[in-house]
Amino acid sequence: MIHLVKIGINKIRYESDKTIKCVIIACISSLSGVLITGMGEYIWHEHRVMLLYWAVVGLLTAAVGLNSEPQKQASGYANIKVMH
Protein backbone atom coordinates (compact mmCIF):
# COMPACT_ATOMS: atom_id res chain seq x y z
CA MET A 1 0.00 0.00 0.00
CA ILE A 2 2.81 2.39 0.84
CA HIS A 3 4.50 1.48 -2.43
CA LEU A 4 1.34 2.37 -4.35
CA VAL A 5 1.19 5.78 -2.65
CA LYS A 6 4.88 6.38 -3.48
CA ILE A 7 4.24 5.54 -7.12
CA GLY A 8 1.23 7.86 -7.08
CA ILE A 9 3.29 10.75 -5.70
CA ASN A 10 5.95 10.23 -8.36
CA LYS A 11 3.24 10.11 -11.03
CA ILE A 12 1.86 13.44 -9.74
CA ARG A 13 5.28 15.04 -10.20
CA TYR A 14 5.83 13.94 -13.78
CA GLU A 15 2.29 13.70 -15.19
CA SER A 16 1.22 16.40 -17.62
CA ASP A 17 -2.53 15.60 -17.65
CA LYS A 18 -4.26 17.56 -14.89
CA THR A 19 -7.24 15.21 -14.74
CA ILE A 20 -5.06 12.22 -13.91
CA LYS A 21 -3.19 14.32 -11.34
CA CYS A 22 -6.46 15.31 -9.64
CA VAL A 23 -7.69 11.70 -9.53
CA ILE A 24 -4.41 10.51 -8.00
CA ILE A 25 -4.42 13.32 -5.42
CA ALA A 26 -8.04 12.54 -4.50
CA CYS A 27 -7.30 8.82 -4.11
CA ILE A 28 -4.22 9.39 -1.96
CA SER A 29 -6.15 11.87 0.19
CA SER A 30 -9.02 9.42 0.59
CA LEU A 31 -6.72 6.56 1.59
CA SER A 32 -4.87 8.80 4.03
CA GLY A 33 -8.14 9.89 5.62
CA VAL A 34 -9.34 6.32 6.05
CA LEU A 35 -6.03 5.21 7.55
CA ILE A 36 -5.87 8.18 9.94
CA THR A 37 -9.48 7.61 11.02
CA GLY A 38 -8.66 3.94 11.52
CA MET A 39 -6.03 4.90 14.07
CA GLY A 40 -8.72 6.30 16.37
CA GLU A 41 -11.61 3.92 15.86
CA TYR A 42 -12.30 0.54 14.32
CA ILE A 43 -13.90 1.22 10.93
CA TRP A 44 -13.53 -2.14 9.19
CA HIS A 45 -16.69 -3.68 10.68
CA GLU A 46 -18.79 -1.80 8.13
CA HIS A 47 -18.79 -3.45 4.73
CA ARG A 48 -19.43 -0.19 2.90
CA VAL A 49 -16.22 1.33 4.23
CA MET A 50 -14.22 -1.71 3.21
CA LEU A 51 -15.81 -1.75 -0.25
CA LEU A 52 -15.07 1.93 -0.83
CA TYR A 53 -11.52 1.50 0.46
CA TRP A 54 -10.77 -1.22 -2.07
CA ALA A 55 -12.58 0.69 -4.82
CA VAL A 56 -10.32 3.69 -4.18
CA VAL A 57 -7.25 1.42 -4.19
CA GLY A 58 -8.38 0.06 -7.57
CA LEU A 59 -9.00 3.55 -8.91
CA LEU A 60 -5.55 4.67 -7.75
CA THR A 61 -3.95 1.62 -9.36
CA ALA A 62 -5.74 2.36 -12.63
CA ALA A 63 -4.85 6.07 -12.55
CA VAL A 64 -1.18 5.33 -11.90
CA GLY A 65 -1.16 2.93 -14.85
CA LEU A 66 -2.59 5.49 -17.28
CA ASN A 67 -0.35 7.35 -19.69
CA SER A 68 -1.19 10.80 -20.95
CA GLU A 69 0.98 10.26 -24.01
CA PRO A 70 -0.27 8.11 -26.90
CA GLN A 71 0.96 4.55 -26.69
CA LYS A 72 2.76 2.70 -29.42
CA GLN A 73 1.00 -0.27 -30.91
CA ALA A 74 1.52 -3.38 -28.85
CA SER A 75 1.95 -5.67 -31.83
CA GLY A 76 5.25 -6.15 -33.58
CA TYR A 77 3.71 -5.07 -36.89
CA ALA A 78 3.82 -1.36 -36.13
CA ASN A 79 7.14 -0.76 -37.90
CA ILE A 80 6.48 -2.79 -41.04
CA LYS A 81 6.36 -0.70 -44.18
CA VAL A 82 3.77 -1.70 -46.72
CA MET A 83 4.92 -1.54 -50.31
CA HIS A 84 2.33 -0.83 -53.03
C-alpha atoms as a PDB file:
ATOM      1  CA  MET A   1       0.000   0.000   0.000  1.00  0.00           C
ATOM      2  CA  ILE A   2       2.812   2.388   0.839  1.00  0.00           C
ATOM      3  CA  HIS A   3       4.501   1.484  -2.430  1.00  0.00           C
ATOM      4  CA  LEU A   4       1.335   2.371  -4.353  1.00  0.00           C
ATOM      5  CA  VAL A   5       1.191   5.777  -2.649  1.00  0.00           C
ATOM      6  CA  LYS A   6       4.877   6.378  -3.476  1.00  0.00           C
ATOM      7  CA  ILE A   7       4.240   5.538  -7.125  1.00  0.00           C
ATOM      8  CA  GLY A   8       1.234   7.864  -7.077  1.00  0.00           C
ATOM      9  CA  ILE A   9       3.290  10.749  -5.696  1.00  0.00           C
ATOM     10  CA  ASN A  10       5.946  10.226  -8.365  1.00  0.00           C
ATOM     11  CA  LYS A  11       3.238  10.114 -11.032  1.00  0.00           C
ATOM     12  CA  ILE A  12       1.862  13.442  -9.744  1.00  0.00           C
ATOM     13  CA  ARG A  13       5.275  15.041 -10.202  1.00  0.00           C
ATOM     14  CA  TYR A  14       5.826  13.939 -13.776  1.00  0.00           C
ATOM     15  CA  GLU A  15       2.285  13.698 -15.188  1.00  0.00           C
ATOM     16  CA  SER A  16       1.217  16.397 -17.624  1.00  0.00           C
ATOM     17  CA  ASP A  17      -2.525  15.601 -17.652  1.00  0.00           C
ATOM     18  CA  LYS A  18      -4.258  17.563 -14.886  1.00  0.00           C
ATOM     19  CA  THR A  19      -7.242  15.208 -14.738  1.00  0.00           C
ATOM     20  CA  ILE A  20      -5.058  12.217 -13.912  1.00  0.00           C
ATOM     21  CA  LYS A  21      -3.193  14.322 -11.341  1.00  0.00           C
ATOM     22  CA  CYS A  22      -6.458  15.305  -9.636  1.00  0.00           C
ATOM     23  CA  VAL A  23      -7.688  11.703  -9.533  1.00  0.00           C
ATOM     24  CA  ILE A  24      -4.414  10.510  -8.001  1.00  0.00           C
ATOM     25  CA  ILE A  25      -4.421  13.324  -5.425  1.00  0.00           C
ATOM     26  CA  ALA A  26      -8.044  12.539  -4.497  1.00  0.00           C
ATOM     27  CA  CYS A  27      -7.297   8.818  -4.114  1.00  0.00           C
ATOM     28  CA  ILE A  28      -4.217   9.390  -1.963  1.00  0.00           C
ATOM     29  CA  SER A  29      -6.151  11.873   0.189  1.00  0.00           C
ATOM     30  CA  SER A  30      -9.018   9.416   0.588  1.00  0.00           C
ATOM     31  CA  LEU A  31      -6.716   6.564   1.592  1.00  0.00           C
ATOM     32  CA  SER A  32      -4.871   8.802   4.035  1.00  0.00           C
ATOM     33  CA  GLY A  33      -8.140   9.892   5.617  1.00  0.00           C
ATOM     34  CA  VAL A  34      -9.342   6.323   6.048  1.00  0.00           C
ATOM     35  CA  LEU A  35      -6.032   5.214   7.552  1.00  0.00           C
ATOM     36  CA  ILE A  36      -5.872   8.177   9.937  1.00  0.00           C
ATOM     37  CA  THR A  37      -9.485   7.605  11.020  1.00  0.00           C
ATOM     38  CA  GLY A  38      -8.658   3.938  11.520  1.00  0.00           C
ATOM     39  CA  MET A  39      -6.028   4.896  14.072  1.00  0.00           C
ATOM     40  CA  GLY A  40      -8.717   6.304  16.368  1.00  0.00           C
ATOM     41  CA  GLU A  41     -11.610   3.923  15.865  1.00  0.00           C
ATOM     42  CA  TYR A  42     -12.304   0.540  14.322  1.00  0.00           C
ATOM     43  CA  ILE A  43     -13.897   1.222  10.930  1.00  0.00           C
ATOM     44  CA  TRP A  44     -13.529  -2.137   9.191  1.00  0.00           C
ATOM     45  CA  HIS A  45     -16.690  -3.683  10.679  1.00  0.00           C
ATOM     46  CA  GLU A  46     -18.795  -1.799   8.131  1.00  0.00           C
ATOM     47  CA  HIS A  47     -18.789  -3.453   4.734  1.00  0.00           C
ATOM     48  CA  ARG A  48     -19.429  -0.193   2.899  1.00  0.00           C
ATOM     49  CA  VAL A  49     -16.217   1.327   4.234  1.00  0.00           C
ATOM     50  CA  MET A  50     -14.216  -1.711   3.212  1.00  0.00           C
ATOM     51  CA  LEU A  51     -15.809  -1.753  -0.248  1.00  0.00           C
ATOM     52  CA  LEU A  52     -15.075   1.926  -0.826  1.00  0.00           C
ATOM     53  CA  TYR A  53     -11.521   1.502   0.461  1.00  0.00           C
ATOM     54  CA  TRP A  54     -10.774  -1.216  -2.067  1.00  0.00           C
ATOM     55  CA  ALA A  55     -12.580   0.694  -4.823  1.00  0.00           C
ATOM     56  CA  VAL A  56     -10.318   3.695  -4.179  1.00  0.00           C
ATOM     57  CA  VAL A  57      -7.252   1.423  -4.192  1.00  0.00           C
ATOM     58  CA  GLY A  58      -8.379   0.057  -7.568  1.00  0.00           C
ATOM     59  CA  LEU A  59      -9.001   3.552  -8.906  1.00  0.00           C
ATOM     60  CA  LEU A  60      -5.550   4.673  -7.754  1.00  0.00           C
ATOM     61  CA  THR A  61      -3.951   1.619  -9.361  1.00  0.00           C
ATOM     62  CA  ALA A  62      -5.739   2.357 -12.635  1.00  0.00           C
ATOM     63  CA  ALA A  63      -4.847   6.069 -12.550  1.00  0.00           C
ATOM     64  CA  VAL A  64      -1.178   5.328 -11.903  1.00  0.00           C
ATOM     65  CA  GLY A  65      -1.164   2.927 -14.849  1.00  0.00           C
ATOM     66  CA  LEU A  66      -2.587   5.492 -17.284  1.00  0.00           C
ATOM     67  CA  ASN A  67      -0.350   7.346 -19.689  1.00  0.00           C
ATOM     68  CA  SER A  68      -1.194  10.800 -20.951  1.00  0.00           C
ATOM     69  CA  GLU A  69       0.980  10.262 -24.013  1.00  0.00           C
ATOM     70  CA  PRO A  70      -0.266   8.110 -26.897  1.00  0.00           C
ATOM     71  CA  GLN A  71       0.962   4.554 -26.687  1.00  0.00           C
ATOM     72  CA  LYS A  72       2.760   2.695 -29.424  1.00  0.00           C
ATOM     73  CA  GLN A  73       1.003  -0.274 -30.911  1.00  0.00           C
ATOM     74  CA  ALA A  74       1.523  -3.378 -28.855  1.00  0.00           C
ATOM     75  CA  SER A  75       1.949  -5.668 -31.829  1.00  0.00           C
ATOM     76  CA  GLY A  76       5.245  -6.148 -33.576  1.00  0.00           C
ATOM     77  CA  TYR A  77       3.705  -5.071 -36.892  1.00  0.00           C
ATOM     78  CA  ALA A  78       3.816  -1.355 -36.129  1.00  0.00           C
ATOM     79  CA  ASN A  79       7.145  -0.762 -37.896  1.00  0.00           C
ATOM     80  CA  ILE A  80       6.481  -2.789 -41.043  1.00  0.00           C
ATOM     81  CA  LYS A  81       6.359  -0.696 -44.175  1.00  0.00           C
ATOM     82  CA  VAL A  82       3.770  -1.703 -46.723  1.00  0.00           C
ATOM     83  CA  MET A  83       4.921  -1.541 -50.312  1.00  0.00           C
ATOM     84  CA  HIS A  84       2.334  -0.829 -53.026  1.00  0.00           C
END
